[in-house]
Amino acid sequence: MELMTIIFLLIFVIVGLALYLVAQLKLAGINVKDFWSFIEANQMLDKLYAFSKRYEHMSPQEQVIFLMEAEKVFNAFDKVPKLIWEEEYEKYMDVLNTYRSIKVLRWASN
């Protein structure tokens, strides 16, 4: 009986914390889906940042993939207030600058 009470209490606390998190996101004006895509995009930003350091050596296919993934990251970051991702600002700007450079190179080659 005591075990069931402890399990029920833990489930209640977890659900309560999840609801509190959702309420805080709503108060900040962020949709849960947008926040989740931001978390995934933040992980992708780290990978793109590593690729952005060697964009001169990318094949045309790698450049296209980089451009597509970077656009997804930019869209996800645009939906979230900048206050949340200010720590990632330098990485974001490096990826953005590489994105712009690749776009210019691809426009010049066409």
N, C-alpha and C. Protein backbone atom coordinates (compact mmCIF):
# COMPACT_ATOMS: atom_id res chain seq x y z
N MET A 1 0.82 -1.19 0.00
CA MET A 1 0.00 0.00 0.00
C MET A 1 0.86 1.26 0.00
N GLU A 2 1.92 1.24 0.81
CA GLU A 2 2.80 2.39 0.87
C GLU A 2 3.52 2.61 -0.47
N LEU A 3 3.85 1.51 -1.13
CA LEU A 3 4.52 1.60 -2.43
C LEU A 3 3.60 2.25 -3.46
N MET A 4 2.34 1.90 -3.46
CA MET A 4 1.37 2.50 -4.38
C MET A 4 1.21 3.99 -4.10
N THR A 5 1.23 4.36 -2.85
CA THR A 5 1.11 5.77 -2.48
C THR A 5 2.32 6.56 -2.99
N ILE A 6 3.50 5.99 -2.83
CA ILE A 6 4.72 6.66 -3.29
C ILE A 6 4.71 6.79 -4.82
N ILE A 7 4.33 5.74 -5.52
CA ILE A 7 4.26 5.77 -6.98
C ILE A 7 3.24 6.80 -7.45
N PHE A 8 2.07 6.82 -6.81
CA PHE A 8 1.04 7.79 -7.17
C PHE A 8 1.52 9.21 -6.92
N LEU A 9 2.21 9.43 -5.82
CA LEU A 9 2.73 10.75 -5.49
C LEU A 9 3.79 11.19 -6.50
N LEU A 10 4.66 10.29 -6.90
CA LEU A 10 5.68 10.62 -7.90
C LEU A 10 5.06 10.96 -9.25
N ILE A 11 4.07 10.20 -9.65
CA ILE A 11 3.37 10.47 -10.91
C ILE A 11 2.69 11.82 -10.83
N PHE A 12 2.06 12.12 -9.72
CA PHE A 12 1.40 13.41 -9.53
C PHE A 12 2.39 14.57 -9.61
N VAL A 13 3.56 14.41 -9.01
CA VAL A 13 4.59 15.45 -9.04
C VAL A 13 5.10 15.64 -10.47
N ILE A 14 5.34 14.57 -11.19
CA ILE A 14 5.84 14.66 -12.57
C ILE A 14 4.82 15.35 -13.47
N VAL A 15 3.56 14.98 -13.34
CA VAL A 15 2.51 15.61 -14.14
C VAL A 15 2.39 17.09 -13.76
N GLY A 16 2.49 17.38 -12.50
CA GLY A 16 2.43 18.77 -12.05
C GLY A 16 3.57 19.61 -12.60
N LEU A 17 4.76 19.06 -12.61
CA LEU A 17 5.91 19.78 -13.17
C LEU A 17 5.77 19.99 -14.67
N ALA A 18 5.25 18.98 -15.36
CA ALA A 18 5.03 19.12 -16.81
C ALA A 18 4.00 20.21 -17.10
N LEU A 19 2.93 20.24 -16.33
CA LEU A 19 1.92 21.29 -16.51
C LEU A 19 2.47 22.67 -16.17
N TYR A 20 3.32 22.73 -15.16
CA TYR A 20 3.95 24.00 -14.80
C TYR A 20 4.86 24.49 -15.93
N LEU A 21 5.61 23.57 -16.53
CA LEU A 21 6.48 23.92 -17.65
C LEU A 21 5.67 24.44 -18.83
N VAL A 22 4.58 23.77 -19.16
CA VAL A 22 3.72 24.20 -20.26
C VAL A 22 3.14 25.58 -19.95
N ALA A 23 2.72 25.79 -18.72
CA ALA A 23 2.16 27.09 -18.35
C ALA A 23 3.20 28.20 -18.46
N GLN A 24 4.43 27.92 -18.05
CA GLN A 24 5.49 28.93 -18.16
C GLN A 24 5.82 29.24 -19.61
N LEU A 25 5.80 28.22 -20.47
CA LEU A 25 6.04 28.45 -21.89
C LEU A 25 4.92 29.30 -22.50
N LYS A 26 3.70 29.01 -22.13
CA LYS A 26 2.56 29.78 -22.64
C LYS A 26 2.64 31.23 -22.16
N LEU A 27 3.03 31.45 -20.91
CA LEU A 27 3.16 32.81 -20.40
C LEU A 27 4.26 33.58 -21.13
N ALA A 28 5.29 32.86 -21.57
CA ALA A 28 6.37 33.50 -22.31
C ALA A 28 5.99 33.71 -23.78
N GLY A 29 4.83 33.20 -24.18
CA GLY A 29 4.39 33.37 -25.56
C GLY A 29 4.98 32.37 -26.52
N ILE A 30 5.40 31.22 -26.01
CA ILE A 30 6.02 30.19 -26.84
C ILE A 30 5.12 28.96 -26.87
N ASN A 31 4.92 28.41 -28.06
CA ASN A 31 4.19 27.15 -28.16
C ASN A 31 5.12 26.01 -27.76
N VAL A 32 4.55 24.96 -27.21
CA VAL A 32 5.34 23.81 -26.79
C VAL A 32 6.03 23.19 -28.00
N LYS A 33 5.32 23.11 -29.10
CA LYS A 33 5.89 22.53 -30.33
C LYS A 33 7.08 23.37 -30.81
N ASP A 34 6.96 24.69 -30.75
CA ASP A 34 8.05 25.57 -31.16
C ASP A 34 9.26 25.42 -30.23
N PHE A 35 8.99 25.27 -28.95
CA PHE A 35 10.09 25.10 -28.00
C PHE A 35 10.81 23.78 -28.23
N TRP A 36 10.03 22.73 -28.52
CA TRP A 36 10.64 21.42 -28.78
C TRP A 36 11.48 21.48 -30.06
N SER A 37 10.98 22.15 -31.09
CA SER A 37 11.77 22.27 -32.32
C SER A 37 13.01 23.12 -32.07
N PHE A 38 12.94 24.09 -31.16
CA PHE A 38 14.11 24.88 -30.79
C PHE A 38 15.16 23.99 -30.13
N ILE A 39 14.75 23.10 -29.27
CA ILE A 39 15.69 22.19 -28.60
C ILE A 39 16.39 21.32 -29.64
N GLU A 40 15.63 20.78 -30.58
CA GLU A 40 16.23 19.96 -31.64
C GLU A 40 17.14 20.80 -32.53
N ALA A 41 16.72 22.01 -32.84
CA ALA A 41 17.53 22.90 -33.68
C ALA A 41 18.81 23.31 -32.97
N ASN A 42 18.77 23.43 -31.68
CA ASN A 42 19.96 23.77 -30.92
C ASN A 42 21.01 22.67 -31.03
N GLN A 43 20.56 21.43 -31.03
CA GLN A 43 21.48 20.31 -31.23
C GLN A 43 22.05 20.32 -32.65
N MET A 44 21.20 20.63 -33.62
CA MET A 44 21.66 20.70 -35.00
C MET A 44 22.61 21.88 -35.20
N LEU A 45 22.40 22.96 -34.47
CA LEU A 45 23.28 24.12 -34.58
C LEU A 45 24.72 23.75 -34.25
N ASP A 46 24.91 22.90 -33.25
CA ASP A 46 26.26 22.48 -32.90
C ASP A 46 26.92 21.73 -34.05
N LYS A 47 26.17 20.87 -34.72
CA LYS A 47 26.71 20.13 -35.86
C LYS A 47 27.00 21.07 -37.03
N LEU A 48 26.10 21.99 -37.30
CA LEU A 48 26.30 22.93 -38.39
C LEU A 48 27.48 23.86 -38.11
N TYR A 49 27.67 24.19 -36.86
CA TYR A 49 28.79 25.04 -36.48
C TYR A 49 30.11 24.36 -36.82
N ALA A 50 30.19 23.06 -36.57
CA ALA A 50 31.41 22.32 -36.91
C ALA A 50 31.62 22.31 -38.43
N PHE A 51 30.54 22.13 -39.19
CA PHE A 51 30.64 22.14 -40.64
C PHE A 51 30.97 23.53 -41.17
N SER A 52 30.50 24.55 -40.50
CA SER A 52 30.72 25.92 -41.00
C SER A 52 32.19 26.30 -41.00
N LYS A 53 32.98 25.62 -40.21
CA LYS A 53 34.41 25.91 -40.15
C LYS A 53 35.15 25.42 -41.40
N ARG A 54 34.53 24.52 -42.15
CA ARG A 54 35.21 23.97 -43.32
C ARG A 54 34.35 24.06 -44.58
N TYR A 55 33.56 25.10 -44.70
CA TYR A 55 32.62 25.17 -45.82
C TYR A 55 33.31 25.31 -47.17
N GLU A 56 34.56 25.80 -47.21
CA GLU A 56 35.26 25.92 -48.48
C GLU A 56 35.54 24.55 -49.10
N HIS A 57 35.60 23.53 -48.26
CA HIS A 57 35.94 22.19 -48.72
C HIS A 57 34.71 21.30 -48.92
N MET A 58 33.54 21.87 -48.83
CA MET A 58 32.31 21.08 -49.00
C MET A 58 32.04 20.83 -50.47
N SER A 59 31.50 19.65 -50.73
CA SER A 59 31.05 19.35 -52.09
C SER A 59 29.73 20.08 -52.32
N PRO A 60 29.31 20.20 -53.57
CA PRO A 60 28.02 20.86 -53.83
C PRO A 60 26.85 20.18 -53.11
N GLN A 61 26.87 18.87 -53.00
CA GLN A 61 25.80 18.16 -52.28
C GLN A 61 25.82 18.52 -50.79
N GLU A 62 27.00 18.57 -50.21
CA GLU A 62 27.11 18.93 -48.80
C GLU A 62 26.65 20.36 -48.58
N GLN A 63 26.94 21.24 -49.53
CA GLN A 63 26.49 22.62 -49.41
C GLN A 63 24.97 22.71 -49.42
N VAL A 64 24.33 21.95 -50.31
CA VAL A 64 22.86 21.96 -50.37
C VAL A 64 22.27 21.44 -49.06
N ILE A 65 22.84 20.37 -48.55
CA ILE A 65 22.36 19.81 -47.27
C ILE A 65 22.57 20.82 -46.15
N PHE A 66 23.73 21.47 -46.13
CA PHE A 66 24.00 22.50 -45.13
C PHE A 66 22.98 23.61 -45.21
N LEU A 67 22.68 24.09 -46.42
CA LEU A 67 21.71 25.17 -46.60
C LEU A 67 20.32 24.77 -46.09
N MET A 68 19.90 23.55 -46.42
CA MET A 68 18.57 23.10 -46.00
C MET A 68 18.49 22.98 -44.47
N GLU A 69 19.50 22.39 -43.87
CA GLU A 69 19.49 22.23 -42.41
C GLU A 69 19.61 23.58 -41.70
N ALA A 70 20.40 24.47 -42.27
CA ALA A 70 20.55 25.80 -41.66
C ALA A 70 19.23 26.56 -41.70
N GLU A 71 18.47 26.43 -42.78
CA GLU A 71 17.17 27.10 -42.86
C GLU A 71 16.22 26.58 -41.81
N LYS A 72 16.26 25.27 -41.55
CA LYS A 72 15.42 24.70 -40.48
C LYS A 72 15.80 25.28 -39.12
N VAL A 73 17.11 25.39 -38.89
CA VAL A 73 17.59 25.94 -37.61
C VAL A 73 17.16 27.39 -37.47
N PHE A 74 17.32 28.17 -38.54
CA PHE A 74 16.94 29.58 -38.49
C PHE A 74 15.45 29.74 -38.21
N ASN A 75 14.62 28.91 -38.84
CA ASN A 75 13.17 28.98 -38.61
C ASN A 75 12.83 28.66 -37.16
N ALA A 76 13.47 27.65 -36.60
CA ALA A 76 13.20 27.27 -35.21
C ALA A 76 13.67 28.36 -34.25
N PHE A 77 14.82 28.96 -34.51
CA PHE A 77 15.33 30.00 -33.63
C PHE A 77 14.50 31.27 -33.73
N ASP A 78 13.90 31.54 -34.89
CA ASP A 78 13.07 32.73 -35.05
C ASP A 78 11.79 32.67 -34.23
N LYS A 79 11.34 31.48 -33.89
CA LYS A 79 10.08 31.33 -33.16
C LYS A 79 10.25 31.46 -31.65
N VAL A 80 11.49 31.57 -31.21
CA VAL A 80 11.78 31.62 -29.78
C VAL A 80 12.45 32.97 -29.47
N PRO A 81 12.10 33.60 -28.35
CA PRO A 81 12.73 34.88 -28.01
C PRO A 81 14.26 34.77 -27.91
N LYS A 82 14.94 35.81 -28.32
CA LYS A 82 16.40 35.81 -28.34
C LYS A 82 17.00 35.68 -26.95
N LEU A 83 16.26 36.05 -25.95
CA LEU A 83 16.76 35.95 -24.58
C LEU A 83 17.09 34.50 -24.22
N ILE A 84 16.35 33.57 -24.78
CA ILE A 84 16.56 32.16 -24.47
C ILE A 84 17.85 31.63 -25.10
N TRP A 85 18.16 32.08 -26.29
CA TRP A 85 19.32 31.51 -26.99
C TRP A 85 20.49 32.48 -27.13
N GLU A 86 20.60 33.43 -26.23
CA GLU A 86 21.70 34.40 -26.32
C GLU A 86 23.06 33.75 -26.13
N GLU A 87 23.14 32.62 -25.43
CA GLU A 87 24.41 31.92 -25.25
C GLU A 87 24.90 31.29 -26.55
N GLU A 88 23.98 30.99 -27.44
CA GLU A 88 24.33 30.35 -28.71
C GLU A 88 24.47 31.37 -29.84
N TYR A 89 24.47 32.65 -29.51
CA TYR A 89 24.46 33.70 -30.52
C TYR A 89 25.67 33.63 -31.45
N GLU A 90 26.86 33.40 -30.90
CA GLU A 90 28.06 33.36 -31.73
C GLU A 90 28.01 32.20 -32.72
N LYS A 91 27.58 31.03 -32.26
CA LYS A 91 27.45 29.89 -33.16
C LYS A 91 26.43 30.18 -34.25
N TYR A 92 25.31 30.78 -33.83
CA TYR A 92 24.25 31.12 -34.77
C TYR A 92 24.78 32.07 -35.85
N MET A 93 25.52 33.07 -35.44
CA MET A 93 26.05 34.04 -36.39
C MET A 93 27.10 33.43 -37.31
N ASP A 94 27.93 32.52 -36.80
CA ASP A 94 28.90 31.84 -37.65
C ASP A 94 28.20 30.99 -38.70
N VAL A 95 27.17 30.27 -38.28
CA VAL A 95 26.42 29.45 -39.23
C VAL A 95 25.71 30.35 -40.23
N LEU A 96 25.16 31.47 -39.78
CA LEU A 96 24.48 32.40 -40.68
C LEU A 96 25.45 32.99 -41.70
N ASN A 97 26.64 33.36 -41.26
CA ASN A 97 27.64 33.90 -42.18
C ASN A 97 28.08 32.86 -43.20
N THR A 98 28.24 31.62 -42.77
CA THR A 98 28.59 30.55 -43.70
C THR A 98 27.45 30.31 -44.68
N TYR A 99 26.22 30.35 -44.19
CA TYR A 99 25.04 30.19 -45.03
C TYR A 99 25.03 31.27 -46.13
N ARG A 100 25.30 32.49 -45.73
CA ARG A 100 25.32 33.59 -46.69
C ARG A 100 26.45 33.40 -47.71
N SER A 101 27.62 32.98 -47.24
CA SER A 101 28.75 32.78 -48.15
C SER A 101 28.46 31.68 -49.17
N ILE A 102 27.87 30.59 -48.71
CA ILE A 102 27.53 29.50 -49.63
C ILE A 102 26.48 29.96 -50.62
N LYS A 103 25.49 30.71 -50.16
CA LYS A 103 24.46 31.23 -51.07
C LYS A 103 25.09 32.11 -52.15
N VAL A 104 26.03 32.98 -51.76
CA VAL A 104 26.67 33.87 -52.72
C VAL A 104 27.50 33.05 -53.71
N LEU A 105 28.22 32.04 -53.21
CA LEU A 105 29.01 31.19 -54.10
C LEU A 105 28.13 30.45 -55.10
N ARG A 106 26.99 29.97 -54.62
CA ARG A 106 26.09 29.21 -55.50
C ARG A 106 25.43 30.14 -56.51
N TRP A 107 25.09 31.37 -56.11
CA TRP A 107 24.51 32.33 -57.06
C TRP A 107 25.53 32.74 -58.11
N ALA A 108 26.78 32.92 -57.67
CA ALA A 108 27.83 33.32 -58.61
C ALA A 108 28.12 32.21 -59.61
N SER A 109 28.03 30.96 -59.18
CA SER A 109 28.31 29.85 -60.10
C SER A 109 27.17 29.63 -61.09
N ASN A 110 25.96 30.07 -60.75
CA ASN A 110 24.83 29.92 -61.68
C ASN A 110 24.89 31.06 -62.63
